[in-house]
């Protein structure tokens, strides 16, 4: 058994964990920050559309 203290991230909300994972992925792959922000705008729009009610 480990006596290491739990990481604060262990108890963090899912969105924080996802954000940290995405930041690590983007930084590990040395993605240009400008490109990241443009891509995140596209991702946001896509997911916002998924939240809108579907018309019949």
N, C-alpha and C. Protein backbone atom coordinates (compact mmCIF):
# COMPACT_ATOMS: atom_id res chain seq x y z
N UNK A 1 0.83 -1.20 0.00
CA UNK A 1 0.00 0.00 0.00
C UNK A 1 0.86 1.25 0.00
N UNK A 2 0.37 2.24 -0.66
CA UNK A 2 1.11 3.49 -0.77
C UNK A 2 0.60 4.48 0.27
N UNK A 3 1.53 5.22 0.86
CA UNK A 3 1.15 6.26 1.81
C UNK A 3 1.17 7.63 1.17
N UNK A 4 1.31 7.66 -0.15
CA UNK A 4 1.35 8.93 -0.86
C UNK A 4 0.00 9.61 -0.76
N UNK A 5 0.01 10.93 -0.55
CA UNK A 5 -1.27 11.64 -0.48
C UNK A 5 -1.98 11.61 -1.84
N UNK A 6 -3.29 11.63 -1.79
CA UNK A 6 -4.08 11.63 -3.02
C UNK A 6 -3.83 12.92 -3.79
N UNK A 7 -3.80 12.80 -5.09
CA UNK A 7 -3.65 13.97 -5.95
C UNK A 7 -4.92 14.80 -5.86
N UNK A 8 -4.80 16.13 -5.82
CA UNK A 8 -6.02 16.97 -5.81
C UNK A 8 -6.89 16.70 -7.03
N UNK A 9 -6.26 16.26 -8.09
CA UNK A 9 -6.99 15.99 -9.33
C UNK A 9 -7.93 14.79 -9.18
N UNK A 10 -7.60 13.87 -8.29
CA UNK A 10 -8.44 12.68 -8.09
C UNK A 10 -9.87 13.05 -7.73
N UNK A 11 -10.03 14.09 -6.95
CA UNK A 11 -11.35 14.50 -6.49
C UNK A 11 -11.93 15.67 -7.27
N UNK A 12 -11.25 16.05 -8.32
CA UNK A 12 -11.70 17.19 -9.12
C UNK A 12 -12.90 16.80 -9.98
N UNK A 13 -13.72 17.79 -10.35
CA UNK A 13 -14.85 17.52 -11.25
C UNK A 13 -14.35 17.01 -12.60
N UNK A 14 -15.22 16.30 -13.30
CA UNK A 14 -14.87 15.69 -14.58
C UNK A 14 -14.34 16.71 -15.58
N UNK A 15 -14.93 17.92 -15.59
CA UNK A 15 -14.49 18.92 -16.57
C UNK A 15 -13.06 19.39 -16.30
N UNK A 16 -12.66 19.43 -15.04
CA UNK A 16 -11.29 19.81 -14.69
C UNK A 16 -10.32 18.71 -15.15
N UNK A 17 -10.69 17.46 -14.87
CA UNK A 17 -9.84 16.34 -15.31
C UNK A 17 -9.68 16.34 -16.82
N UNK A 18 -10.78 16.55 -17.54
CA UNK A 18 -10.72 16.58 -19.00
C UNK A 18 -9.85 17.74 -19.48
N UNK A 19 -10.02 18.90 -18.88
CA UNK A 19 -9.22 20.07 -19.26
C UNK A 19 -7.73 19.81 -19.06
N UNK A 20 -7.38 19.22 -17.94
CA UNK A 20 -5.97 18.91 -17.67
C UNK A 20 -5.44 17.91 -18.68
N UNK A 21 -6.23 16.88 -18.98
CA UNK A 21 -5.82 15.90 -19.98
C UNK A 21 -5.60 16.55 -21.34
N UNK A 22 -6.53 17.43 -21.74
CA UNK A 22 -6.40 18.10 -23.04
C UNK A 22 -5.17 19.01 -23.08
N UNK A 23 -4.95 19.75 -22.00
CA UNK A 23 -3.78 20.63 -21.94
C UNK A 23 -2.50 19.81 -22.06
N UNK A 24 -2.43 18.70 -21.34
CA UNK A 24 -1.24 17.85 -21.41
C UNK A 24 -1.04 17.31 -22.82
N UNK A 25 -2.11 16.84 -23.43
CA UNK A 25 -2.03 16.31 -24.79
C UNK A 25 -1.52 17.37 -25.77
N UNK A 26 -2.09 18.55 -25.68
CA UNK A 26 -1.71 19.62 -26.61
C UNK A 26 -0.28 20.09 -26.37
N UNK A 27 0.11 20.22 -25.11
CA UNK A 27 1.47 20.66 -24.80
C UNK A 27 2.50 19.59 -25.15
N UNK A 28 2.18 18.31 -24.87
CA UNK A 28 3.11 17.23 -25.18
C UNK A 28 3.37 17.14 -26.68
N UNK A 29 2.38 17.54 -27.48
CA UNK A 29 2.52 17.49 -28.93
C UNK A 29 2.93 18.84 -29.52
N UNK A 30 3.27 19.78 -28.65
CA UNK A 30 3.77 21.10 -29.05
C UNK A 30 2.88 21.77 -30.09
N UNK A 31 1.56 21.73 -29.84
CA UNK A 31 0.61 22.36 -30.74
C UNK A 31 0.66 23.88 -30.51
N UNK A 32 0.72 24.63 -31.58
CA UNK A 32 0.76 26.09 -31.50
C UNK A 32 -0.48 26.61 -30.77
N UNK A 33 -0.30 27.48 -29.78
CA UNK A 33 -1.45 27.99 -29.01
C UNK A 33 -2.53 28.64 -29.87
N UNK A 34 -2.13 29.33 -30.93
CA UNK A 34 -3.11 29.95 -31.81
C UNK A 34 -3.97 28.89 -32.49
N UNK A 35 -3.33 27.83 -32.94
CA UNK A 35 -4.04 26.72 -33.56
C UNK A 35 -4.99 26.07 -32.57
N UNK A 36 -4.54 25.90 -31.34
CA UNK A 36 -5.37 25.30 -30.29
C UNK A 36 -6.63 26.12 -30.09
N UNK A 37 -6.49 27.43 -29.98
CA UNK A 37 -7.64 28.28 -29.74
C UNK A 37 -8.63 28.25 -30.91
N UNK A 38 -8.11 28.23 -32.13
CA UNK A 38 -9.00 28.12 -33.29
C UNK A 38 -9.75 26.80 -33.28
N UNK A 39 -9.04 25.73 -32.97
CA UNK A 39 -9.66 24.41 -32.93
C UNK A 39 -10.69 24.33 -31.81
N UNK A 40 -10.39 24.91 -30.67
CA UNK A 40 -11.34 24.89 -29.55
C UNK A 40 -12.63 25.65 -29.88
N UNK A 41 -12.52 26.71 -30.66
CA UNK A 41 -13.72 27.43 -31.11
C UNK A 41 -14.60 26.50 -31.95
N UNK A 42 -13.98 25.72 -32.82
CA UNK A 42 -14.74 24.79 -33.66
C UNK A 42 -15.39 23.71 -32.79
N UNK A 43 -14.62 23.19 -31.84
CA UNK A 43 -15.15 22.15 -30.95
C UNK A 43 -16.31 22.70 -30.13
N UNK A 44 -16.18 23.91 -29.61
CA UNK A 44 -17.25 24.52 -28.82
C UNK A 44 -18.52 24.65 -29.64
N UNK A 45 -18.40 25.15 -30.86
CA UNK A 45 -19.58 25.30 -31.72
C UNK A 45 -20.24 23.96 -31.99
N UNK A 46 -19.43 22.94 -32.24
CA UNK A 46 -19.96 21.61 -32.51
C UNK A 46 -20.74 21.08 -31.31
N UNK A 47 -20.18 21.21 -30.13
CA UNK A 47 -20.85 20.68 -28.94
C UNK A 47 -22.05 21.54 -28.53
N UNK A 48 -22.00 22.84 -28.81
CA UNK A 48 -23.16 23.67 -28.53
C UNK A 48 -24.34 23.26 -29.42
N UNK A 49 -24.07 22.89 -30.67
CA UNK A 49 -25.12 22.41 -31.56
C UNK A 49 -25.73 21.12 -31.02
N UNK A 50 -24.92 20.28 -30.42
CA UNK A 50 -25.40 19.01 -29.86
C UNK A 50 -26.32 19.23 -28.67
N UNK A 51 -26.22 20.38 -28.03
CA UNK A 51 -27.09 20.70 -26.89
C UNK A 51 -28.43 21.27 -27.31
N UNK A 52 -28.52 21.73 -28.56
CA UNK A 52 -29.76 22.31 -29.04
C UNK A 52 -30.78 21.20 -29.32
N UNK A 53 -32.06 21.48 -29.02
CA UNK A 53 -33.08 20.48 -29.31
C UNK A 53 -33.17 20.20 -30.81
N UNK A 54 -33.34 18.95 -31.14
CA UNK A 54 -33.48 18.57 -32.55
C UNK A 54 -34.89 18.87 -33.03
N UNK A 55 -34.99 19.52 -34.18
CA UNK A 55 -36.32 19.80 -34.73
C UNK A 55 -36.82 18.55 -35.45
N UNK A 56 -38.12 18.31 -35.34
CA UNK A 56 -38.71 17.09 -35.91
C UNK A 56 -38.89 17.15 -37.39
